[in-house]
Amino acid sequence: MALKQPNSSLFVGLNKGHVVTKKELPRCPADGKGKTSKIVHFERNVIRQGTGFAIYEKMITKLLGLCAL
């Protein structure tokens, strides 16, 4: 599919429409949801290297969480 060209204030055709400038919006806080932090990423990496099995990863994260308290 071809890139859409900006409107050129024509009445008919592919480029029809009023010419406007796009409004810059600030980032929404919910955009960061689901992104892992550096600490969590490092912790999961260490566990994967140590165990190598997805089954045991959850148990070890629980153990590490209890030790951190």
Protein backbone atom coordinates (compact mmCIF):
# COMPACT_ATOMS: atom_id res chain seq x y z
CA MET A 1 0.00 0.00 0.00
CA ALA A 2 1.33 3.42 -0.95
CA LEU A 3 2.10 6.07 1.63
CA LYS A 4 -0.70 8.56 2.16
CA GLN A 5 0.18 12.02 0.86
CA PRO A 6 -0.79 15.10 2.85
CA ASN A 7 -4.01 16.89 1.90
CA SER A 8 -3.61 19.67 -0.65
CA SER A 9 -6.95 21.50 -0.16
CA LEU A 10 -8.44 20.06 -3.36
CA PHE A 11 -12.15 19.30 -3.63
CA VAL A 12 -11.80 15.95 -5.40
CA GLY A 13 -9.15 13.30 -5.88
CA LEU A 14 -6.89 11.31 -3.61
CA ASN A 15 -5.44 14.39 -1.88
CA LYS A 16 -8.77 16.09 -1.19
CA GLY A 17 -9.41 17.72 2.17
CA HIS A 18 -8.54 20.66 4.39
CA VAL A 19 -4.83 21.10 5.15
CA VAL A 20 -4.14 20.78 8.89
CA THR A 21 -1.05 20.36 11.05
CA LYS A 22 -0.95 17.24 13.18
CA LYS A 23 -1.27 17.90 16.93
CA GLU A 24 1.57 16.59 19.09
CA LEU A 25 0.14 14.81 22.13
CA PRO A 26 2.07 13.93 25.30
CA ARG A 27 2.71 10.27 26.01
CA CYS A 28 -0.04 8.49 27.89
CA PRO A 29 1.11 6.86 31.18
CA ALA A 30 -0.65 3.63 30.18
CA ASP A 31 1.75 3.25 27.22
CA GLY A 32 4.42 2.00 29.62
CA LYS A 33 2.20 -0.79 30.98
CA GLY A 34 3.64 -4.23 30.43
CA LYS A 35 7.20 -3.01 29.88
CA THR A 36 9.67 -4.78 32.16
CA SER A 37 12.05 -2.69 34.22
CA LYS A 38 15.81 -3.18 34.14
CA ILE A 39 15.87 -4.86 37.56
CA VAL A 40 13.13 -7.37 36.68
CA HIS A 41 14.77 -8.10 33.33
CA PHE A 42 18.12 -8.75 35.04
CA GLU A 43 16.51 -10.96 37.69
CA ARG A 44 14.71 -13.09 35.09
CA ASN A 45 17.91 -13.37 33.06
CA VAL A 46 19.85 -14.66 36.07
CA ILE A 47 17.14 -17.20 36.86
CA ARG A 48 17.04 -18.46 33.26
CA GLN A 49 20.80 -18.94 33.25
CA GLY A 50 20.68 -20.78 36.57
CA THR A 51 17.74 -23.09 35.97
CA GLY A 52 17.19 -23.26 32.24
CA PHE A 53 13.65 -24.56 32.69
CA ALA A 54 10.50 -22.45 32.59
CA ILE A 55 8.81 -24.73 35.15
CA TYR A 56 11.29 -23.86 37.88
CA GLU A 57 11.55 -20.15 37.09
CA LYS A 58 8.34 -19.31 38.96
CA MET A 59 9.38 -21.23 42.08
CA ILE A 60 12.80 -19.59 42.18
CA THR A 61 11.34 -16.09 41.75
CA LYS A 62 9.12 -16.83 44.76
CA LEU A 63 12.16 -17.94 46.76
CA LEU A 64 14.11 -14.84 45.77
CA GLY A 65 11.14 -12.66 46.67
CA LEU A 66 10.95 -14.24 50.14
CA CYS A 67 14.69 -13.82 50.67
CA ALA A 68 14.48 -10.15 49.72
CA LEU A 69 12.09 -9.50 52.62
